[in-house]
Amino acid sequence: MKLRLAVGIVLSVTLSGCGALQPMNPTEFRQVVGGSSLGTVETFEAARPYQQVVETLRKKSNECLAVATSSSGPVFQGNMTMTETTRSAYKPSLSVADGQTELAVQVDFGPHTTIGKKPEGGFYILVADAAPAGASATKVTIYRGSMGRAKEIGAAVRGWATGASLDCPNLSS
C-alpha cells in the first residue's frame, strides 16, 4: 500500500512538472496527460447512443468510484517498524453540458506532504469525455495516468461506455 501511495504521489508530481503545474482542474489534467510519457490518451467509438452511455457513466461512477479505501502495512521509522494505515478517498464528478459529458475522477490520500498545491477534492487521476457520434454511437476519450488505479478505472469506464462490462474496478487492494 505504501508503494502504491508513493507511486501515486510521484506520478502526480511527475505529471505536473515536478510540482510546478499540478493540474487543478480537468482541462489542465488533459493538457498534462496528453503531453506526458506517463499518461495515456485513448479515443474510441462506443456503438451505443450517447444518452445511454451518459446514464451508464452516471450510474456506475456513483456506484463504483465514490468510495473510500484503507489499508495497513509496515513502514520503517528509523530502526523500528510501525504499522501505518493509509486512506484513499475517490471522488467522481460527472457534468453534462451542450451535448458533451465529462467524467473526472479524483483521489485524496489524506494529509500527506506534497509538492505544490493539491486540488480541492484530491489529485486528478482520470478524465473521460463523451460526445454524440451519430444517432447510435458515442465518441469517448479517456485521459489517465499509466500506473496505479487509473489504469483499472480507465478499463472500467471503457467497459461501461461500450456496454462490454458493468464491473466495478477493484480499488481496495
Protein backbone atom coordinates (compact mmCIF):
# COMPACT_ATOMS: atom_id res chain seq x y z
CA MET A 1 0.00 0.00 0.00
CA LYS A 2 2.81 2.41 0.85
CA LEU A 3 4.40 1.67 -2.52
CA ARG A 4 1.09 2.41 -4.26
CA LEU A 5 0.73 5.68 -2.36
CA ALA A 6 4.30 6.67 -3.15
CA VAL A 7 3.86 5.81 -6.84
CA GLY A 8 0.64 7.84 -6.94
CA ILE A 9 2.26 10.87 -5.39
CA VAL A 10 5.37 10.56 -7.58
CA LEU A 11 3.17 10.19 -10.68
CA SER A 12 1.18 13.27 -9.70
CA VAL A 13 4.35 15.27 -9.19
CA THR A 14 5.96 13.94 -12.38
CA LEU A 15 2.87 14.65 -14.47
CA SER A 16 2.82 18.15 -13.08
CA GLY A 17 6.41 19.02 -13.97
CA CYS A 18 7.89 18.49 -10.50
CA GLY A 19 5.11 20.38 -8.80
CA ALA A 20 5.31 23.48 -10.96
CA LEU A 21 1.99 22.80 -12.66
CA GLN A 22 -0.20 20.45 -10.64
CA PRO A 23 -3.39 20.00 -12.68
CA MET A 24 -6.03 21.89 -10.72
CA ASN A 25 -8.97 21.06 -13.00
CA PRO A 26 -9.94 18.60 -15.76
CA THR A 27 -8.76 20.92 -18.55
CA GLU A 28 -5.27 21.19 -17.08
CA PHE A 29 -5.22 17.42 -16.46
CA ARG A 30 -5.99 16.74 -20.15
CA GLN A 31 -3.13 19.02 -21.20
CA VAL A 32 -0.61 17.48 -18.81
CA VAL A 33 -1.53 13.86 -19.58
CA GLY A 34 -1.63 14.49 -23.33
CA GLY A 35 1.93 15.80 -23.25
CA SER A 36 3.45 13.19 -20.91
CA SER A 37 5.00 9.79 -21.47
CA LEU A 38 3.49 8.75 -18.13
CA GLY A 39 -0.03 9.41 -19.37
CA THR A 40 -2.35 7.62 -21.75
CA VAL A 41 -4.98 9.11 -24.04
CA GLU A 42 -7.40 6.60 -25.54
CA THR A 43 -10.14 7.51 -28.02
CA PHE A 44 -12.75 5.05 -29.27
CA GLU A 45 -16.29 4.92 -30.56
CA ALA A 46 -18.89 3.10 -28.48
CA ALA A 47 -21.70 1.57 -30.54
CA ARG A 48 -24.31 2.87 -28.10
CA PRO A 49 -26.45 6.02 -28.17
CA TYR A 50 -24.98 8.99 -26.32
CA GLN A 51 -27.78 9.24 -23.72
CA GLN A 52 -27.40 5.57 -22.87
CA VAL A 53 -23.63 5.98 -22.38
CA VAL A 54 -24.17 9.07 -20.18
CA GLU A 55 -26.70 7.29 -17.97
CA THR A 56 -24.39 4.28 -17.57
CA LEU A 57 -21.43 6.52 -16.69
CA ARG A 58 -23.58 8.41 -14.16
CA LYS A 59 -24.86 5.24 -12.50
CA LYS A 60 -21.60 3.27 -12.47
CA SER A 61 -19.35 6.18 -11.43
CA ASN A 62 -21.54 6.85 -8.39
CA GLU A 63 -21.81 3.15 -7.57
CA CYS A 64 -18.18 2.18 -8.16
CA LEU A 65 -15.99 5.25 -7.82
CA ALA A 66 -17.47 7.23 -4.92
CA VAL A 67 -15.63 5.09 -2.38
CA ALA A 68 -13.02 5.34 0.34
CA THR A 69 -10.50 2.58 0.91
CA SER A 70 -7.95 1.98 3.62
CA SER A 71 -5.15 -0.45 4.18
CA SER A 72 -2.46 -1.04 6.75
CA GLY A 73 1.11 -2.10 6.35
CA PRO A 74 4.54 -1.92 7.93
CA VAL A 75 6.70 1.19 7.47
CA PHE A 76 10.18 1.85 8.79
CA GLN A 77 10.68 4.71 11.23
CA GLY A 78 14.42 4.79 11.80
CA ASN A 79 15.34 1.36 13.12
CA MET A 80 11.78 0.41 14.11
CA THR A 81 8.89 -0.99 12.13
CA MET A 82 5.49 0.53 12.72
CA THR A 83 2.10 -0.20 11.22
CA GLU A 84 0.58 2.67 9.27
CA THR A 85 -2.93 2.88 7.90
CA THR A 86 -3.48 4.86 4.74
CA ARG A 87 -6.77 6.05 3.31
CA SER A 88 -7.74 6.88 -0.27
CA ALA A 89 -11.00 8.71 -0.95
CA TYR A 90 -12.11 8.54 -4.58
CA LYS A 91 -14.39 11.26 -5.88
CA PRO A 92 -16.07 11.07 -9.30
CA SER A 93 -17.86 14.05 -10.79
CA LEU A 94 -19.96 13.94 -13.93
CA SER A 95 -21.02 17.07 -15.79
CA VAL A 96 -23.17 17.31 -18.91
CA ALA A 97 -23.35 20.49 -20.98
CA ASP A 98 -24.06 21.24 -24.64
CA GLY A 99 -24.00 17.62 -25.80
CA GLN A 100 -20.70 16.92 -24.04
CA THR A 101 -20.16 14.80 -20.95
CA GLU A 102 -17.13 14.90 -18.69
CA LEU A 103 -16.33 12.34 -16.02
CA ALA A 104 -13.49 13.44 -13.74
CA VAL A 105 -12.09 11.15 -11.05
CA GLN A 106 -10.02 12.48 -8.16
CA VAL A 107 -8.34 10.73 -5.26
CA ASP A 108 -7.42 12.23 -1.92
CA PHE A 109 -4.71 10.39 0.02
CA GLY A 110 -5.28 12.45 3.15
CA PRO A 111 -2.82 14.73 4.92
CA HIS A 112 0.40 13.65 3.19
CA THR A 113 3.15 16.05 2.26
CA THR A 114 3.00 17.02 -1.39
CA ILE A 115 4.94 19.35 -3.61
CA GLY A 116 2.73 22.17 -4.83
CA LYS A 117 -0.89 22.84 -4.13
CA LYS A 118 -3.34 19.94 -4.01
CA PRO A 119 -6.58 20.46 -5.98
CA GLU A 120 -9.76 20.68 -3.91
CA GLY A 121 -11.18 17.15 -3.84
CA GLY A 122 -7.83 15.47 -4.44
CA PHE A 123 -5.48 14.71 -7.31
CA TYR A 124 -6.99 14.11 -10.75
CA ILE A 125 -6.26 10.59 -11.96
CA LEU A 126 -8.69 10.27 -14.88
CA VAL A 127 -10.86 12.43 -17.11
CA ALA A 128 -13.21 10.90 -19.69
CA ASP A 129 -15.09 12.85 -22.32
CA ALA A 130 -18.13 11.57 -24.23
CA ALA A 131 -19.91 13.18 -27.17
CA PRO A 132 -22.52 12.00 -29.68
CA ALA A 133 -21.11 10.40 -32.84
CA GLY A 134 -24.35 9.98 -34.77
CA ALA A 135 -27.69 8.59 -33.65
CA SER A 136 -26.40 5.29 -32.28
CA ALA A 137 -22.75 5.90 -31.38
CA THR A 138 -20.70 7.86 -28.86
CA LYS A 139 -17.12 9.10 -29.14
CA VAL A 140 -15.23 8.61 -25.88
CA THR A 141 -11.78 9.90 -24.96
CA ILE A 142 -10.12 8.77 -21.72
CA TYR A 143 -7.15 10.68 -20.27
CA ARG A 144 -5.37 8.88 -17.45
CA GLY A 145 -2.07 8.14 -15.81
CA SER A 146 -0.38 4.94 -16.97
CA MET A 147 0.16 3.45 -13.49
CA GLY A 148 -1.86 2.59 -10.42
CA ARG A 149 -5.65 2.60 -10.15
CA ALA A 150 -6.09 4.98 -13.08
CA LYS A 151 -5.45 2.08 -15.47
CA GLU A 152 -8.11 -0.09 -13.81
CA ILE A 153 -10.60 2.78 -13.67
CA GLY A 154 -9.95 3.53 -17.35
CA ALA A 155 -10.67 -0.08 -18.30
CA ALA A 156 -13.90 0.02 -16.29
CA VAL A 157 -15.00 3.29 -17.95
CA ARG A 158 -14.33 1.76 -21.38
CA GLY A 159 -16.43 -1.28 -20.43
CA TRP A 160 -19.25 0.91 -19.15
CA ALA A 161 -19.25 3.11 -22.27
CA THR A 162 -19.23 0.19 -24.72
CA GLY A 163 -21.58 -1.96 -22.65
CA ALA A 164 -19.00 -4.78 -22.66
CA SER A 165 -18.76 -4.86 -18.85
CA LEU A 166 -20.54 -3.25 -15.94
CA ASP A 167 -17.99 -4.47 -13.38
CA CYS A 168 -16.52 -2.08 -10.84
CA PRO A 169 -12.74 -1.74 -10.69
CA ASN A 170 -11.05 -3.17 -7.61
CA LEU A 171 -9.93 -0.12 -5.66
CA SER A 172 -9.48 -1.80 -2.31
CA SER A 173 -6.21 -3.72 -2.69
